[in-house]
Amino acid sequence: METATTTTPTDPAAVVWNVPNQLSMLRLALAVGCFVALALAGYWWALGLFAAATFTDWLDGCWARRFNQITRLGR
């Protein structure tokens, strides 16, 4: 009986769901939340969500450069 083996890609660019890309997906959700908050006149909530999205943009850029996690999706 054969057992399934899991292999990890040796090329870091082949990994799509690394931390910077996950932060980008989080930022997408924060943007939707920001638009919803604006539509409901929750301006302080929208400002907080915008600030969080800005921080994740900075963080994913620093993380990608520091750990050389540059992918096609991230470019």
N, C-alpha and C. Protein backbone atom coordinates (compact mmCIF):
# COMPACT_ATOMS: atom_id res chain seq x y z
N MET A 1 0.84 -1.18 0.00
CA MET A 1 0.00 0.00 0.00
C MET A 1 0.89 1.24 0.00
N GLU A 2 0.61 2.14 -0.90
CA GLU A 2 1.40 3.35 -1.00
C GLU A 2 0.88 4.41 -0.05
N THR A 3 1.78 5.17 0.49
CA THR A 3 1.38 6.27 1.37
C THR A 3 1.60 7.57 0.63
N ALA A 4 0.72 8.48 0.87
CA ALA A 4 0.83 9.80 0.25
C ALA A 4 1.89 10.60 0.98
N THR A 5 2.76 11.18 0.22
CA THR A 5 3.77 12.04 0.82
C THR A 5 3.49 13.47 0.43
N THR A 6 3.74 14.34 1.34
CA THR A 6 3.58 15.75 1.04
C THR A 6 4.95 16.34 0.77
N THR A 7 5.02 17.12 -0.25
CA THR A 7 6.29 17.77 -0.57
C THR A 7 6.09 19.27 -0.45
N THR A 8 7.11 19.91 -0.06
CA THR A 8 7.07 21.37 0.02
C THR A 8 7.90 21.92 -1.13
N PRO A 9 7.42 22.95 -1.77
CA PRO A 9 8.19 23.52 -2.88
C PRO A 9 9.51 24.07 -2.39
N THR A 10 10.54 23.86 -3.15
CA THR A 10 11.85 24.38 -2.76
C THR A 10 12.00 25.84 -3.16
N ASP A 11 11.25 26.27 -4.15
CA ASP A 11 11.31 27.66 -4.59
C ASP A 11 10.34 28.50 -3.77
N PRO A 12 10.83 29.49 -3.01
CA PRO A 12 9.92 30.31 -2.19
C PRO A 12 8.88 31.05 -3.03
N ALA A 13 9.19 31.34 -4.29
CA ALA A 13 8.22 32.04 -5.13
C ALA A 13 7.05 31.15 -5.51
N ALA A 14 7.19 29.83 -5.35
CA ALA A 14 6.11 28.91 -5.68
C ALA A 14 5.04 28.87 -4.60
N VAL A 15 5.38 29.32 -3.42
CA VAL A 15 4.42 29.33 -2.32
C VAL A 15 3.51 30.54 -2.47
N VAL A 16 2.24 30.31 -2.68
CA VAL A 16 1.32 31.42 -2.92
C VAL A 16 0.79 31.98 -1.61
N TRP A 17 0.45 31.13 -0.66
CA TRP A 17 -0.19 31.61 0.56
C TRP A 17 0.83 31.84 1.66
N ASN A 18 1.80 32.69 1.39
CA ASN A 18 2.74 33.07 2.44
C ASN A 18 2.16 34.24 3.24
N VAL A 19 2.87 34.66 4.24
CA VAL A 19 2.35 35.71 5.14
C VAL A 19 2.02 37.01 4.40
N PRO A 20 2.89 37.52 3.54
CA PRO A 20 2.53 38.76 2.85
C PRO A 20 1.25 38.66 2.02
N ASN A 21 1.05 37.52 1.34
CA ASN A 21 -0.17 37.37 0.54
C ASN A 21 -1.40 37.21 1.42
N GLN A 22 -1.24 36.57 2.58
CA GLN A 22 -2.36 36.47 3.52
C GLN A 22 -2.73 37.84 4.06
N LEU A 23 -1.72 38.67 4.32
CA LEU A 23 -2.00 40.04 4.77
C LEU A 23 -2.71 40.85 3.68
N SER A 24 -2.37 40.59 2.42
CA SER A 24 -3.06 41.28 1.32
C SER A 24 -4.53 40.87 1.24
N MET A 25 -4.80 39.60 1.47
CA MET A 25 -6.20 39.14 1.47
C MET A 25 -6.96 39.74 2.67
N LEU A 26 -6.28 39.85 3.79
CA LEU A 26 -6.90 40.51 4.95
C LEU A 26 -7.21 41.96 4.63
N ARG A 27 -6.29 42.60 3.92
CA ARG A 27 -6.49 44.01 3.55
C ARG A 27 -7.70 44.16 2.63
N LEU A 28 -7.93 43.19 1.78
CA LEU A 28 -9.10 43.21 0.92
C LEU A 28 -10.38 43.17 1.76
N ALA A 29 -10.40 42.32 2.78
CA ALA A 29 -11.56 42.24 3.67
C ALA A 29 -11.73 43.53 4.46
N LEU A 30 -10.62 44.12 4.89
CA LEU A 30 -10.70 45.39 5.62
C LEU A 30 -11.25 46.50 4.72
N ALA A 31 -10.91 46.48 3.44
CA ALA A 31 -11.43 47.48 2.52
C ALA A 31 -12.95 47.35 2.37
N VAL A 32 -13.43 46.12 2.27
CA VAL A 32 -14.88 45.91 2.19
C VAL A 32 -15.54 46.44 3.46
N GLY A 33 -14.95 46.11 4.61
CA GLY A 33 -15.49 46.60 5.88
C GLY A 33 -15.48 48.13 5.96
N CYS A 34 -14.45 48.73 5.40
CA CYS A 34 -14.35 50.19 5.39
C CYS A 34 -15.48 50.80 4.57
N PHE A 35 -15.76 50.22 3.40
CA PHE A 35 -16.84 50.73 2.56
C PHE A 35 -18.21 50.54 3.21
N VAL A 36 -18.38 49.42 3.89
CA VAL A 36 -19.65 49.18 4.60
C VAL A 36 -19.81 50.19 5.72
N ALA A 37 -18.73 50.43 6.47
CA ALA A 37 -18.80 51.40 7.57
C ALA A 37 -19.12 52.80 7.03
N LEU A 38 -18.54 53.16 5.90
CA LEU A 38 -18.85 54.47 5.30
C LEU A 38 -20.31 54.55 4.87
N ALA A 39 -20.82 53.46 4.30
CA ALA A 39 -22.21 53.45 3.86
C ALA A 39 -23.18 53.57 5.03
N LEU A 40 -22.78 53.07 6.18
CA LEU A 40 -23.63 53.13 7.37
C LEU A 40 -23.31 54.33 8.27
N ALA A 41 -22.53 55.26 7.74
CA ALA A 41 -22.13 56.48 8.46
C ALA A 41 -21.33 56.18 9.72
N GLY A 42 -20.59 55.09 9.71
CA GLY A 42 -19.69 54.77 10.83
C GLY A 42 -18.30 55.26 10.50
N TYR A 43 -18.14 56.58 10.53
CA TYR A 43 -16.90 57.19 10.07
C TYR A 43 -15.69 56.82 10.92
N TRP A 44 -15.86 56.70 12.22
CA TRP A 44 -14.74 56.32 13.08
C TRP A 44 -14.34 54.87 12.84
N TRP A 45 -15.34 54.00 12.62
CA TRP A 45 -15.04 52.61 12.29
C TRP A 45 -14.29 52.54 10.96
N ALA A 46 -14.75 53.32 9.99
CA ALA A 46 -14.09 53.34 8.68
C ALA A 46 -12.65 53.83 8.80
N LEU A 47 -12.44 54.83 9.62
CA LEU A 47 -11.08 55.34 9.83
C LEU A 47 -10.20 54.28 10.48
N GLY A 48 -10.73 53.58 11.46
CA GLY A 48 -9.96 52.51 12.12
C GLY A 48 -9.63 51.37 11.17
N LEU A 49 -10.60 50.98 10.35
CA LEU A 49 -10.36 49.92 9.37
C LEU A 49 -9.35 50.36 8.32
N PHE A 50 -9.44 51.62 7.91
CA PHE A 50 -8.48 52.15 6.95
C PHE A 50 -7.07 52.16 7.54
N ALA A 51 -6.96 52.56 8.80
CA ALA A 51 -5.65 52.57 9.47
C ALA A 51 -5.08 51.15 9.59
N ALA A 52 -5.94 50.19 9.91
CA ALA A 52 -5.50 48.79 9.99
C ALA A 52 -5.05 48.29 8.63
N ALA A 53 -5.78 48.65 7.57
CA ALA A 53 -5.40 48.24 6.21
C ALA A 53 -4.07 48.87 5.81
N THR A 54 -3.86 50.11 6.19
CA THR A 54 -2.59 50.79 5.89
C THR A 54 -1.44 50.08 6.59
N PHE A 55 -1.65 49.69 7.84
CA PHE A 55 -0.62 49.00 8.59
C PHE A 55 -0.29 47.65 7.96
N THR A 56 -1.31 46.91 7.50
CA THR A 56 -1.04 45.61 6.88
C THR A 56 -0.30 45.78 5.56
N ASP A 57 -0.53 46.89 4.85
CA ASP A 57 0.20 47.16 3.61
C ASP A 57 1.68 47.35 3.92
N TRP A 58 1.98 48.12 4.91
CA TRP A 58 3.36 48.35 5.33
C TRP A 58 3.99 47.04 5.81
N LEU A 59 3.25 46.30 6.62
CA LEU A 59 3.77 45.07 7.22
C LEU A 59 4.06 44.01 6.16
N ASP A 60 3.18 43.84 5.19
CA ASP A 60 3.44 42.80 4.19
C ASP A 60 4.62 43.15 3.30
N GLY A 61 4.82 44.44 3.03
CA GLY A 61 6.00 44.85 2.26
C GLY A 61 7.29 44.59 3.00
N CYS A 62 7.31 44.95 4.28
CA CYS A 62 8.51 44.70 5.10
C CYS A 62 8.79 43.21 5.22
N TRP A 63 7.75 42.43 5.47
CA TRP A 63 7.90 40.98 5.65
C TRP A 63 8.44 40.34 4.36
N ALA A 64 7.86 40.71 3.22
CA ALA A 64 8.28 40.13 1.94
C ALA A 64 9.74 40.44 1.64
N ARG A 65 10.16 41.67 1.91
CA ARG A 65 11.55 42.03 1.64
C ARG A 65 12.50 41.35 2.62
N ARG A 66 12.13 41.31 3.89
CA ARG A 66 13.01 40.75 4.91
C ARG A 66 13.23 39.26 4.72
N PHE A 67 12.16 38.52 4.43
CA PHE A 67 12.25 37.07 4.31
C PHE A 67 12.26 36.59 2.86
N ASN A 68 12.44 37.53 1.93
CA ASN A 68 12.52 37.22 0.50
C ASN A 68 11.35 36.35 0.05
N GLN A 69 10.15 36.75 0.40
CA GLN A 69 8.95 36.01 0.04
C GLN A 69 8.21 36.75 -1.07
N ILE A 70 8.86 36.89 -2.20
CA ILE A 70 8.29 37.59 -3.34
C ILE A 70 7.66 36.56 -4.25
N THR A 71 6.38 36.73 -4.58
CA THR A 71 5.67 35.80 -5.44
C THR A 71 5.11 36.54 -6.65
N ARG A 72 4.64 35.78 -7.62
CA ARG A 72 4.01 36.40 -8.79
C ARG A 72 2.75 37.16 -8.37
N LEU A 73 2.00 36.59 -7.44
CA LEU A 73 0.80 37.24 -6.95
C LEU A 73 1.13 38.55 -6.24
N GLY A 74 2.22 38.56 -5.49
CA GLY A 74 2.61 39.74 -4.74
C GLY A 74 3.18 40.87 -5.59
N ARG A 75 3.67 40.53 -6.74
CA ARG A 75 4.24 41.56 -7.61
C ARG A 75 3.15 42.44 -8.14
